[in-house]
Every structure is written in structure tokens, then in C-alpha cells.
Amino acid sequence: MIEELRRHGYDVSAGTLYPVLHGLERKGLLKSSREQSDGVERRLYRATTAGRKELAAAKAKVRELFGELFEHESGRL
């Protein structure tokens, strides 16, 4: 996940990311499981039904905001 964020220009450390993931899990928006791969234990996160609903609502708000920002493109602020 950190590598994917970096690919998009975000420099996020594990010390920043994991508390966010744990908080989302406590709120019931994510669920985690542990998986062994090549002797390394990894934690996998998946969105819950509530998490997917929250994501859809956030996306709608972002679309609305960006729509308003670019609604009157006339070169003036």
C-alpha cells in the first residue's frame, strides 16, 4: 500500500499509515486478516459493507466539490 501511495506522489511512512488503518478497523470500516507468504506474516485489509458505503459517500462529496471548482472555468478565481 505504501508503494502504491508513493507511485501517486505520496510519501507516507508505516508509522503514519498503520494507525489510520487500525482506526478504520476500530470504526468497522475495514476488516483485517493475517496471511503467511514465504514465511512472512502479512495483514490484509478489506473494506466492510459499512466501509464501502462510507467510501461511496466520500466519493460523491469529492465529485461535488470538484464539480463546483471547475464549474465556471473562466480563468478567474
Protein backbone atom coordinates (compact mmCIF):
# COMPACT_ATOMS: atom_id res chain seq x y z
CA MET A 1 0.00 0.00 0.00
CA ILE A 2 2.86 2.35 0.83
CA GLU A 3 4.44 1.63 -2.57
CA GLU A 4 1.17 2.38 -4.36
CA LEU A 5 0.81 5.67 -2.49
CA ARG A 6 4.39 6.59 -3.42
CA ARG A 7 3.64 5.84 -7.05
CA HIS A 8 0.97 8.56 -6.83
CA GLY A 9 3.33 11.06 -5.22
CA TYR A 10 2.54 10.49 -1.53
CA ASP A 11 5.39 9.79 0.86
CA VAL A 12 3.67 8.02 3.75
CA SER A 13 5.51 6.05 6.40
CA ALA A 14 4.27 2.88 8.06
CA GLY A 15 4.13 4.88 11.31
CA THR A 16 1.53 7.12 9.69
CA LEU A 17 -0.40 4.55 7.69
CA TYR A 18 -0.94 1.78 10.24
CA PRO A 19 -2.62 3.94 12.89
CA VAL A 20 -5.03 5.14 10.21
CA LEU A 21 -5.79 1.55 9.15
CA HIS A 22 -6.25 0.45 12.77
CA GLY A 23 -8.61 3.38 13.40
CA LEU A 24 -10.69 2.50 10.34
CA GLU A 25 -10.84 -1.09 11.57
CA ARG A 26 -11.99 0.03 15.04
CA LYS A 27 -14.77 2.04 13.38
CA GLY A 28 -15.88 -1.05 11.47
CA LEU A 29 -14.94 0.33 8.05
CA LEU A 30 -12.14 -2.19 7.45
CA LYS A 31 -11.58 -5.79 8.47
CA SER A 32 -8.15 -7.35 8.60
CA SER A 33 -6.85 -10.88 8.39
CA ARG A 34 -3.37 -12.36 8.65
CA GLU A 35 -1.77 -14.33 5.87
CA GLN A 36 1.54 -16.22 5.66
CA SER A 37 3.50 -15.78 2.45
CA ASP A 38 7.06 -17.08 2.05
CA GLY A 39 7.45 -17.20 5.83
CA VAL A 40 6.36 -13.59 6.23
CA GLU A 41 3.14 -12.76 8.01
CA ARG A 42 1.15 -10.01 6.35
CA ARG A 43 -2.02 -8.29 7.38
CA LEU A 44 -4.60 -7.87 4.63
CA TYR A 45 -7.29 -5.21 4.89
CA ARG A 46 -10.67 -5.29 3.18
CA ALA A 47 -13.47 -2.77 3.25
CA THR A 48 -16.58 -3.85 5.12
CA THR A 49 -20.09 -3.12 3.84
CA ALA A 50 -20.10 -0.01 6.04
CA GLY A 51 -16.67 0.93 4.68
CA ARG A 52 -17.84 0.63 1.08
CA LYS A 53 -20.87 2.82 1.87
CA GLU A 54 -18.63 5.41 3.54
CA LEU A 55 -16.29 5.37 0.54
CA ALA A 56 -19.20 5.89 -1.88
CA ALA A 57 -20.41 8.86 0.19
CA ALA A 58 -16.90 10.37 0.28
CA LYS A 59 -16.54 9.94 -3.49
CA ALA A 60 -19.86 11.75 -4.03
CA LYS A 61 -18.66 14.66 -1.87
CA VAL A 62 -15.36 14.87 -3.76
CA ARG A 63 -17.21 14.82 -7.12
CA GLU A 64 -19.47 17.62 -5.91
CA LEU A 65 -16.51 19.69 -4.69
CA PHE A 66 -14.54 19.25 -7.91
CA GLY A 67 -17.63 19.93 -9.97
CA GLU A 68 -18.06 23.25 -8.17
CA LEU A 69 -14.37 24.09 -8.52
CA PHE A 70 -14.41 23.62 -12.29
CA GLU A 71 -17.99 24.66 -12.94
CA HIS A 72 -17.16 28.20 -14.06
CA GLU A 73 -13.78 27.85 -15.72
CA SER A 74 -13.19 31.39 -16.89
CA GLY A 75 -9.59 31.85 -15.83
CA ARG A 76 -10.60 33.85 -12.75
CA LEU A 77 -10.68 32.71 -9.13
